[in-house]
Amino acid sequence: LERTKGAGWMTIYVNGDVGAVQAAVSDGQAMAEAADKFVT
C-alpha cells in the first residue's frame, strides 16, 4: 500500500493469477466508486 504524492491518494498493489487479479481489481474499483473515492 503506497501513499502517493498529492491529494491523499493511495495505491494498492496486488499480484496473483491474471483472472484473480482482474476480478480483485474490478471489485476494488467498484468499492472505491461506491465510496466516491476512485482514481484509477
All heavy atoms as atom14 arrays in JSON, in Angstrom:
{
  "sequence": "LERTKGAGWMTIYVNGDVGAVQAAVSDGQAMAEAADKFVT",
  "atom14_mask": [
    [1, 1, 1, 1, 1, 1, 1, 1, 0, 0, 0, 0, 0, 0],
    [1, 1, 1, 1, 1, 1, 1, 1, 1, 0, 0, 0, 0, 0],
    [1, 1, 1, 1, 1, 1, 1, 1, 1, 1, 1, 0, 0, 0],
    [1, 1, 1, 1, 1, 1, 1, 0, 0, 0, 0, 0, 0, 0],
    [1, 1, 1, 1, 1, 1, 1, 1, 1, 0, 0, 0, 0, 0],
    [1, 1, 1, 1, 0, 0, 0, 0, 0, 0, 0, 0, 0, 0],
    [1, 1, 1, 1, 1, 0, 0, 0, 0, 0, 0, 0, 0, 0],
    [1, 1, 1, 1, 0, 0, 0, 0, 0, 0, 0, 0, 0, 0],
    [1, 1, 1, 1, 1, 1, 1, 1, 1, 1, 1, 1, 1, 1],
    [1, 1, 1, 1, 1, 1, 1, 1, 0, 0, 0, 0, 0, 0],
    [1, 1, 1, 1, 1, 1, 1, 0, 0, 0, 0, 0, 0, 0],
    [1, 1, 1, 1, 1, 1, 1, 1, 0, 0, 0, 0, 0, 0],
    [1, 1, 1, 1, 1, 1, 1, 1, 1, 1, 1, 1, 0, 0],
    [1, 1, 1, 1, 1, 1, 1, 0, 0, 0, 0, 0, 0, 0],
    [1, 1, 1, 1, 1, 1, 1, 1, 0, 0, 0, 0, 0, 0],
    [1, 1, 1, 1, 0, 0, 0, 0, 0, 0, 0, 0, 0, 0],
    [1, 1, 1, 1, 1, 1, 1, 1, 0, 0, 0, 0, 0, 0],
    [1, 1, 1, 1, 1, 1, 1, 0, 0, 0, 0, 0, 0, 0],
    [1, 1, 1, 1, 0, 0, 0, 0, 0, 0, 0, 0, 0, 0],
    [1, 1, 1, 1, 1, 0, 0, 0, 0, 0, 0, 0, 0, 0],
    [1, 1, 1, 1, 1, 1, 1, 0, 0, 0, 0, 0, 0, 0],
    [1, 1, 1, 1, 1, 1, 1, 1, 1, 0, 0, 0, 0, 0],
    [1, 1, 1, 1, 1, 0, 0, 0, 0, 0, 0, 0, 0, 0],
    [1, 1, 1, 1, 1, 0, 0, 0, 0, 0, 0, 0, 0, 0],
    [1, 1, 1, 1, 1, 1, 1, 0, 0, 0, 0, 0, 0, 0],
    [1, 1, 1, 1, 1, 1, 0, 0, 0, 0, 0, 0, 0, 0],
    [1, 1, 1, 1, 1, 1, 1, 1, 0, 0, 0, 0, 0, 0],
    [1, 1, 1, 1, 0, 0, 0, 0, 0, 0, 0, 0, 0, 0],
    [1, 1, 1, 1, 1, 1, 1, 1, 1, 0, 0, 0, 0, 0],
    [1, 1, 1, 1, 1, 0, 0, 0, 0, 0, 0, 0, 0, 0],
    [1, 1, 1, 1, 1, 1, 1, 1, 0, 0, 0, 0, 0, 0],
    [1, 1, 1, 1, 1, 0, 0, 0, 0, 0, 0, 0, 0, 0],
    [1, 1, 1, 1, 1, 1, 1, 1, 1, 0, 0, 0, 0, 0],
    [1, 1, 1, 1, 1, 0, 0, 0, 0, 0, 0, 0, 0, 0],
    [1, 1, 1, 1, 1, 0, 0, 0, 0, 0, 0, 0, 0, 0],
    [1, 1, 1, 1, 1, 1, 1, 1, 0, 0, 0, 0, 0, 0],
    [1, 1, 1, 1, 1, 1, 1, 1, 1, 0, 0, 0, 0, 0],
    [1, 1, 1, 1, 1, 1, 1, 1, 1, 1, 1, 0, 0, 0],
    [1, 1, 1, 1, 1, 1, 1, 0, 0, 0, 0, 0, 0, 0],
    [1, 1, 1, 1, 1, 1, 1, 0, 0, 0, 0, 0, 0, 0]
  ],
  "atom14_positions": [
    [[0.89, -1.15, 0.0], [0.0, 0.0, 0.0], [0.93, 1.2, 0.0], [1.77, 1.32, 0.88], [-0.83, -0.01, 1.29], [-2.31, 0.27, 1.23], [-3.01, -0.76, 0.39], [-2.88, 0.31, 2.6], [0.0, 0.0, 0.0], [0.0, 0.0, 0.0], [0.0, 0.0, 0.0], [0.0, 0.0, 0.0], [0.0, 0.0, 0.0], [0.0, 0.0, 0.0]],
    [[0.78, 2.07, -0.97], [1.72, 3.17, -1.11], [1.0, 4.51, -1.08], [0.01, 4.71, -1.78], [2.48, 3.03, -2.43], [3.47, 4.15, -2.69], [4.15, 3.98, -4.04], [3.44, 3.9, -5.05], [5.38, 3.92, -4.05], [0.0, 0.0, 0.0], [0.0, 0.0, 0.0], [0.0, 0.0, 0.0], [0.0, 0.0, 0.0], [0.0, 0.0, 0.0]],
    [[1.52, 5.41, -0.27], [0.99, 6.78, -0.25], [1.66, 7.52, -1.4], [2.88, 7.63, -1.46], [1.3, 7.46, 1.07], [0.74, 8.86, 1.16], [0.87, 9.45, 2.51], [2.24, 9.32, 2.99], [2.63, 9.81, 4.14], [1.79, 10.42, 4.93], [3.88, 9.67, 4.53], [0.0, 0.0, 0.0], [0.0, 0.0, 0.0], [0.0, 0.0, 0.0]],
    [[0.86, 7.99, -2.34], [1.4, 8.7, -3.49], [1.36, 10.19, -3.23], [0.8, 10.65, -2.23], [0.6, 8.37, -4.76], [-0.75, 8.75, -4.56], [0.67, 6.91, -5.09], [0.0, 0.0, 0.0], [0.0, 0.0, 0.0], [0.0, 0.0, 0.0], [0.0, 0.0, 0.0], [0.0, 0.0, 0.0], [0.0, 0.0, 0.0], [0.0, 0.0, 0.0]],
    [[1.97, 10.93, -4.11], [2.02, 12.38, -3.93], [0.69, 13.01, -4.33], [0.13, 12.68, -5.35], [3.14, 12.98, -4.77], [4.5, 12.54, -4.3], [5.58, 13.18, -5.11], [6.93, 12.71, -4.6], [8.03, 13.29, -5.33], [0.0, 0.0, 0.0], [0.0, 0.0, 0.0], [0.0, 0.0, 0.0], [0.0, 0.0, 0.0], [0.0, 0.0, 0.0]],
    [[0.22, 13.92, -3.53], [-0.92, 14.73, -3.91], [-2.27, 14.23, -3.47], [-2.62, 13.08, -3.68], [0.0, 0.0, 0.0], [0.0, 0.0, 0.0], [0.0, 0.0, 0.0], [0.0, 0.0, 0.0], [0.0, 0.0, 0.0], [0.0, 0.0, 0.0], [0.0, 0.0, 0.0], [0.0, 0.0, 0.0], [0.0, 0.0, 0.0], [0.0, 0.0, 0.0]],
    [[-3.01, 15.07, -2.82], [-4.43, 14.89, -2.52], [-4.76, 13.63, -1.72], [-5.87, 13.15, -1.78], [-5.25, 14.93, -3.8], [0.0, 0.0, 0.0], [0.0, 0.0, 0.0], [0.0, 0.0, 0.0], [0.0, 0.0, 0.0], [0.0, 0.0, 0.0], [0.0, 0.0, 0.0], [0.0, 0.0, 0.0], [0.0, 0.0, 0.0], [0.0, 0.0, 0.0]],
    [[-3.83, 13.07, -0.98], [-4.11, 11.92, -0.14], [-4.34, 10.62, -0.89], [-4.99, 9.71, -0.38], [0.0, 0.0, 0.0], [0.0, 0.0, 0.0], [0.0, 0.0, 0.0], [0.0, 0.0, 0.0], [0.0, 0.0, 0.0], [0.0, 0.0, 0.0], [0.0, 0.0, 0.0], [0.0, 0.0, 0.0], [0.0, 0.0, 0.0], [0.0, 0.0, 0.0]],
    [[-3.83, 10.51, -2.09], [-4.03, 9.31, -2.89], [-3.2, 8.16, -2.36], [-2.08, 8.33, -1.89], [-3.67, 9.55, -4.34], [-4.61, 10.45, -5.09], [-5.69, 11.12, -4.58], [-4.54, 10.8, -6.46], [-6.3, 11.86, -5.55], [-5.61, 11.68, -6.73], [-3.69, 10.47, -7.49], [-5.85, 12.21, -7.99], [-3.92, 11.0, -8.75], [-5.0, 11.86, -8.98]],
    [[-3.76, 6.96, -2.44], [-3.1, 5.72, -2.03], [-3.2, 4.73, -3.19], [-4.24, 4.64, -3.84], [-3.79, 5.11, -0.81], [-3.82, 5.98, 0.43], [-2.24, 6.16, 1.23], [-1.9, 4.5, 1.75], [0.0, 0.0, 0.0], [0.0, 0.0, 0.0], [0.0, 0.0, 0.0], [0.0, 0.0, 0.0], [0.0, 0.0, 0.0], [0.0, 0.0, 0.0]],
    [[-2.11, 4.0, -3.43], [-2.11, 2.97, -4.46], [-2.01, 1.6, -3.8], [-1.14, 1.39, -2.96], [-0.95, 3.15, -5.46], [-1.03, 4.46, -6.01], [-1.03, 2.13, -6.58], [0.0, 0.0, 0.0], [0.0, 0.0, 0.0], [0.0, 0.0, 0.0], [0.0, 0.0, 0.0], [0.0, 0.0, 0.0], [0.0, 0.0, 0.0], [0.0, 0.0, 0.0]],
    [[-2.89, 0.7, -4.19], [-2.9, -0.67, -3.69], [-2.29, -1.54, -4.79], [-2.77, -1.54, -5.92], [-4.33, -1.15, -3.39], [-5.02, -0.19, -2.43], [-4.32, -2.58, -2.86], [-6.53, -0.29, -2.45], [0.0, 0.0, 0.0], [0.0, 0.0, 0.0], [0.0, 0.0, 0.0], [0.0, 0.0, 0.0], [0.0, 0.0, 0.0], [0.0, 0.0, 0.0]],
    [[-1.21, -2.25, -4.47], [-0.54, -3.16, -5.4], [-0.93, -4.59, -5.02], [-0.75, -4.98, -3.87], [0.98, -3.05, -5.28], [1.57, -1.74, -5.75], [1.49, -0.6, -4.97], [2.26, -1.67, -6.96], [2.05, 0.59, -5.39], [2.83, -0.49, -7.38], [2.72, 0.64, -6.6], [3.28, 1.83, -7.01], [0.0, 0.0, 0.0], [0.0, 0.0, 0.0]],
    [[-1.43, -5.35, -5.98], [-1.77, -6.75, -5.73], [-1.16, -7.61, -6.82], [-0.91, -7.14, -7.93], [-3.3, -6.99, -5.66], [-3.92, -6.2, -4.53], [-3.98, -6.66, -6.97], [0.0, 0.0, 0.0], [0.0, 0.0, 0.0], [0.0, 0.0, 0.0], [0.0, 0.0, 0.0], [0.0, 0.0, 0.0], [0.0, 0.0, 0.0], [0.0, 0.0, 0.0]],
    [[-0.92, -8.89, -6.5], [-0.45, -9.8, -7.53], [-1.06, -11.17, -7.33], [-1.57, -11.49, -6.27], [1.08, -9.86, -7.6], [1.71, -10.2, -6.28], [1.15, -10.92, -5.47], [2.91, -9.71, -6.05], [0.0, 0.0, 0.0], [0.0, 0.0, 0.0], [0.0, 0.0, 0.0], [0.0, 0.0, 0.0], [0.0, 0.0, 0.0], [0.0, 0.0, 0.0]],
    [[-1.0, -11.95, -8.4], [-1.57, -13.29, -8.4], [-1.86, -13.73, -9.82], [-1.34, -13.17, -10.79], [0.0, 0.0, 0.0], [0.0, 0.0, 0.0], [0.0, 0.0, 0.0], [0.0, 0.0, 0.0], [0.0, 0.0, 0.0], [0.0, 0.0, 0.0], [0.0, 0.0, 0.0], [0.0, 0.0, 0.0], [0.0, 0.0, 0.0], [0.0, 0.0, 0.0]],
    [[-2.71, -14.72, -9.95], [-3.14, -15.22, -11.25], [-3.87, -14.11, -12.0], [-4.57, -13.29, -11.4], [-4.06, -16.43, -11.03], [-4.58, -17.03, -12.3], [-3.83, -17.02, -13.3], [-5.72, -17.51, -12.31], [0.0, 0.0, 0.0], [0.0, 0.0, 0.0], [0.0, 0.0, 0.0], [0.0, 0.0, 0.0], [0.0, 0.0, 0.0], [0.0, 0.0, 0.0]],
    [[-3.74, -14.08, -13.33], [-4.32, -13.0, -14.14], [-5.82, -12.85, -13.88], [-6.32, -11.74, -13.63], [-4.05, -13.21, -15.65], [-4.73, -12.13, -16.48], [-2.56, -13.24, -15.93], [0.0, 0.0, 0.0], [0.0, 0.0, 0.0], [0.0, 0.0, 0.0], [0.0, 0.0, 0.0], [0.0, 0.0, 0.0], [0.0, 0.0, 0.0], [0.0, 0.0, 0.0]],
    [[-6.56, -13.94, -13.92], [-8.01, -13.88, -13.7], [-8.37, -13.39, -12.3], [-9.3, -12.6, -12.13], [0.0, 0.0, 0.0], [0.0, 0.0, 0.0], [0.0, 0.0, 0.0], [0.0, 0.0, 0.0], [0.0, 0.0, 0.0], [0.0, 0.0, 0.0], [0.0, 0.0, 0.0], [0.0, 0.0, 0.0], [0.0, 0.0, 0.0], [0.0, 0.0, 0.0]],
    [[-7.61, -13.85, -11.32], [-7.87, -13.44, -9.93], [-7.57, -11.96, -9.74], [-8.33, -11.24, -9.07], [-7.03, -14.28, -8.97], [0.0, 0.0, 0.0], [0.0, 0.0, 0.0], [0.0, 0.0, 0.0], [0.0, 0.0, 0.0], [0.0, 0.0, 0.0], [0.0, 0.0, 0.0], [0.0, 0.0, 0.0], [0.0, 0.0, 0.0], [0.0, 0.0, 0.0]],
    [[-6.5, -11.49, -10.33], [-6.14, -10.07, -10.21], [-7.19, -9.2, -10.91], [-7.61, -8.17, -10.38], [-4.72, -9.8, -10.77], [-4.44, -8.31, -10.88], [-3.68, -10.46, -9.88], [0.0, 0.0, 0.0], [0.0, 0.0, 0.0], [0.0, 0.0, 0.0], [0.0, 0.0, 0.0], [0.0, 0.0, 0.0], [0.0, 0.0, 0.0], [0.0, 0.0, 0.0]],
    [[-7.65, -9.63, -12.08], [-8.69, -8.88, -12.78], [-9.97, -8.8, -11.95], [-10.59, -7.74, -11.85], [-8.98, -9.49, -14.15], [-7.89, -9.23, -15.15], [-8.14, -9.92, -16.49], [-8.86, -10.93, -16.57], [-7.53, -9.39, -17.54], [0.0, 0.0, 0.0], [0.0, 0.0, 0.0], [0.0, 0.0, 0.0], [0.0, 0.0, 0.0], [0.0, 0.0, 0.0]],
    [[-10.36, -9.91, -11.35], [-11.56, -9.93, -10.51], [-11.39, -9.03, -9.29], [-12.29, -8.26, -8.93], [-11.87, -11.36, -10.07], [0.0, 0.0, 0.0], [0.0, 0.0, 0.0], [0.0, 0.0, 0.0], [0.0, 0.0, 0.0], [0.0, 0.0, 0.0], [0.0, 0.0, 0.0], [0.0, 0.0, 0.0], [0.0, 0.0, 0.0], [0.0, 0.0, 0.0]],
    [[-10.22, -9.1, -8.66], [-9.97, -8.3, -7.47], [-9.93, -6.81, -7.79], [-10.49, -5.99, -7.06], [-8.66, -8.72, -6.82], [0.0, 0.0, 0.0], [0.0, 0.0, 0.0], [0.0, 0.0, 0.0], [0.0, 0.0, 0.0], [0.0, 0.0, 0.0], [0.0, 0.0, 0.0], [0.0, 0.0, 0.0], [0.0, 0.0, 0.0], [0.0, 0.0, 0.0]],
    [[-9.29, -6.44, -8.9], [-9.21, -5.03, -9.3], [-10.6, -4.51, -9.66], [-10.96, -3.38, -9.29], [-8.2, -4.84, -10.45], [-8.32, -3.45, -11.07], [-6.78, -5.05, -9.93], [0.0, 0.0, 0.0], [0.0, 0.0, 0.0], [0.0, 0.0, 0.0], [0.0, 0.0, 0.0], [0.0, 0.0, 0.0], [0.0, 0.0, 0.0], [0.0, 0.0, 0.0]],
    [[-11.39, -5.31, -10.34], [-12.77, -4.89, -10.66], [-13.58, -4.66, -9.4], [-14.32, -3.68, -9.29], [-13.46, -5.95, -11.52], [-12.86, -6.03, -12.78], [0.0, 0.0, 0.0], [0.0, 0.0, 0.0], [0.0, 0.0, 0.0], [0.0, 0.0, 0.0], [0.0, 0.0, 0.0], [0.0, 0.0, 0.0], [0.0, 0.0, 0.0], [0.0, 0.0, 0.0]],
    [[-13.44, -5.55, -8.43], [-14.14, -5.39, -7.16], [-13.63, -4.16, -6.42], [-14.43, -3.38, -5.89], [-13.95, -6.63, -6.28], [-14.63, -6.46, -4.93], [-15.88, -6.44, -4.9], [-13.9, -6.3, -3.92], [0.0, 0.0, 0.0], [0.0, 0.0, 0.0], [0.0, 0.0, 0.0], [0.0, 0.0, 0.0], [0.0, 0.0, 0.0], [0.0, 0.0, 0.0]],
    [[-12.32, -3.96, -6.4], [-11.75, -2.79, -5.73], [-12.23, -1.5, -6.36], [-12.56, -0.53, -5.66], [0.0, 0.0, 0.0], [0.0, 0.0, 0.0], [0.0, 0.0, 0.0], [0.0, 0.0, 0.0], [0.0, 0.0, 0.0], [0.0, 0.0, 0.0], [0.0, 0.0, 0.0], [0.0, 0.0, 0.0], [0.0, 0.0, 0.0], [0.0, 0.0, 0.0]],
    [[-12.29, -1.48, -7.67], [-12.79, -0.3, -8.37], [-14.24, -0.02, -8.0], [-14.61, 1.11, -7.73], [-12.65, -0.49, -9.88], [-13.15, 0.7, -10.68], [-12.9, 0.56, -12.17], [-12.13, -0.29, -12.61], [-13.55, 1.39, -12.95], [0.0, 0.0, 0.0], [0.0, 0.0, 0.0], [0.0, 0.0, 0.0], [0.0, 0.0, 0.0], [0.0, 0.0, 0.0]],
    [[-15.06, -1.06, -7.99], [-16.48, -0.9, -7.64], [-16.65, -0.38, -6.21], [-17.48, 0.5, -5.96], [-17.21, -2.22, -7.81], [0.0, 0.0, 0.0], [0.0, 0.0, 0.0], [0.0, 0.0, 0.0], [0.0, 0.0, 0.0], [0.0, 0.0, 0.0], [0.0, 0.0, 0.0], [0.0, 0.0, 0.0], [0.0, 0.0, 0.0], [0.0, 0.0, 0.0]],
    [[-15.85, -0.91, -5.28], [-15.94, -0.47, -3.89], [-15.53, 1.0, -3.76], [-16.18, 1.77, -3.05], [-15.06, -1.33, -2.99], [-15.45, -2.79, -2.93], [-17.1, -3.07, -2.29], [-16.78, -2.86, -0.57], [0.0, 0.0, 0.0], [0.0, 0.0, 0.0], [0.0, 0.0, 0.0], [0.0, 0.0, 0.0], [0.0, 0.0, 0.0], [0.0, 0.0, 0.0]],
    [[-14.47, 1.37, -4.43], [-13.99, 2.76, -4.36], [-14.97, 3.72, -5.04], [-15.19, 4.83, -4.55], [-12.61, 2.87, -5.0], [0.0, 0.0, 0.0], [0.0, 0.0, 0.0], [0.0, 0.0, 0.0], [0.0, 0.0, 0.0], [0.0, 0.0, 0.0], [0.0, 0.0, 0.0], [0.0, 0.0, 0.0], [0.0, 0.0, 0.0], [0.0, 0.0, 0.0]],
    [[-15.55, 3.3, -6.16], [-16.53, 4.14, -6.84], [-17.77, 4.34, -5.98], [-18.35, 5.43, -5.95], [-16.91, 3.54, -8.19], [-15.84, 3.73, -9.24], [-16.16, 3.03, -10.56], [-17.04, 2.12, -10.59], [-15.51, 3.36, -11.56], [0.0, 0.0, 0.0], [0.0, 0.0, 0.0], [0.0, 0.0, 0.0], [0.0, 0.0, 0.0], [0.0, 0.0, 0.0]],
    [[-18.18, 3.29, -5.27], [-19.35, 3.4, -4.38], [-19.1, 4.41, -3.27], [-20.04, 5.08, -2.82], [-19.68, 2.03, -3.79], [0.0, 0.0, 0.0], [0.0, 0.0, 0.0], [0.0, 0.0, 0.0], [0.0, 0.0, 0.0], [0.0, 0.0, 0.0], [0.0, 0.0, 0.0], [0.0, 0.0, 0.0], [0.0, 0.0, 0.0], [0.0, 0.0, 0.0]],
    [[-17.85, 4.53, -2.84], [-17.49, 5.5, -1.8], [-17.1, 6.85, -2.39], [-16.73, 7.77, -1.66], [-16.34, 4.95, -0.97], [0.0, 0.0, 0.0], [0.0, 0.0, 0.0], [0.0, 0.0, 0.0], [0.0, 0.0, 0.0], [0.0, 0.0, 0.0], [0.0, 0.0, 0.0], [0.0, 0.0, 0.0], [0.0, 0.0, 0.0], [0.0, 0.0, 0.0]],
    [[-17.17, 6.97, -3.72], [-16.78, 8.19, -4.44], [-15.33, 8.57, -4.15], [-15.0, 9.74, -3.99], [-17.74, 9.34, -4.11], [-17.67, 10.45, -5.15], [-17.37, 10.16, -6.31], [-17.89, 11.63, -4.77], [0.0, 0.0, 0.0], [0.0, 0.0, 0.0], [0.0, 0.0, 0.0], [0.0, 0.0, 0.0], [0.0, 0.0, 0.0], [0.0, 0.0, 0.0]],
    [[-14.45, 7.55, -4.09], [-13.03, 7.76, -3.79], [-12.12, 7.12, -4.83], [-10.93, 6.96, -4.6], [-12.68, 7.17, -2.41], [-13.47, 7.75, -1.27], [-13.06, 9.16, -0.96], [-13.8, 9.69, 0.25], [-13.4, 11.03, 0.6], [0.0, 0.0, 0.0], [0.0, 0.0, 0.0], [0.0, 0.0, 0.0], [0.0, 0.0, 0.0], [0.0, 0.0, 0.0]],
    [[-12.65, 6.74, -5.98], [-11.87, 6.04, -7.01], [-11.06, 7.03, -7.85], [-11.56, 8.09, -8.22], [-12.8, 5.24, -7.92], [-12.1, 4.54, -9.03], [-11.31, 3.43, -8.78], [-12.21, 4.99, -10.34], [-10.64, 2.78, -9.81], [-11.55, 4.35, -11.37], [-10.77, 3.24, -11.11], [0.0, 0.0, 0.0], [0.0, 0.0, 0.0], [0.0, 0.0, 0.0]],
    [[-9.81, 6.67, -8.16], [-8.95, 7.49, -9.02], [-8.69, 6.74, -10.33], [-9.07, 7.2, -11.4], [-7.63, 7.85, -8.32], [-6.72, 8.65, -9.26], [-7.89, 8.63, -7.04], [0.0, 0.0, 0.0], [0.0, 0.0, 0.0], [0.0, 0.0, 0.0], [0.0, 0.0, 0.0], [0.0, 0.0, 0.0], [0.0, 0.0, 0.0], [0.0, 0.0, 0.0]],
    [[-8.03, 5.56, -10.26], [-7.75, 4.78, -11.45], [-7.42, 3.33, -11.07], [-7.13, 3.05, -9.9], [-6.58, 5.38, -12.26], [-6.48, 4.72, -13.52], [-5.26, 5.28, -11.53], [0.0, 0.0, 0.0], [0.0, 0.0, 0.0], [0.0, 0.0, 0.0], [0.0, 0.0, 0.0], [0.0, 0.0, 0.0], [0.0, 0.0, 0.0], [0.0, 0.0, 0.0]]
  ]
}
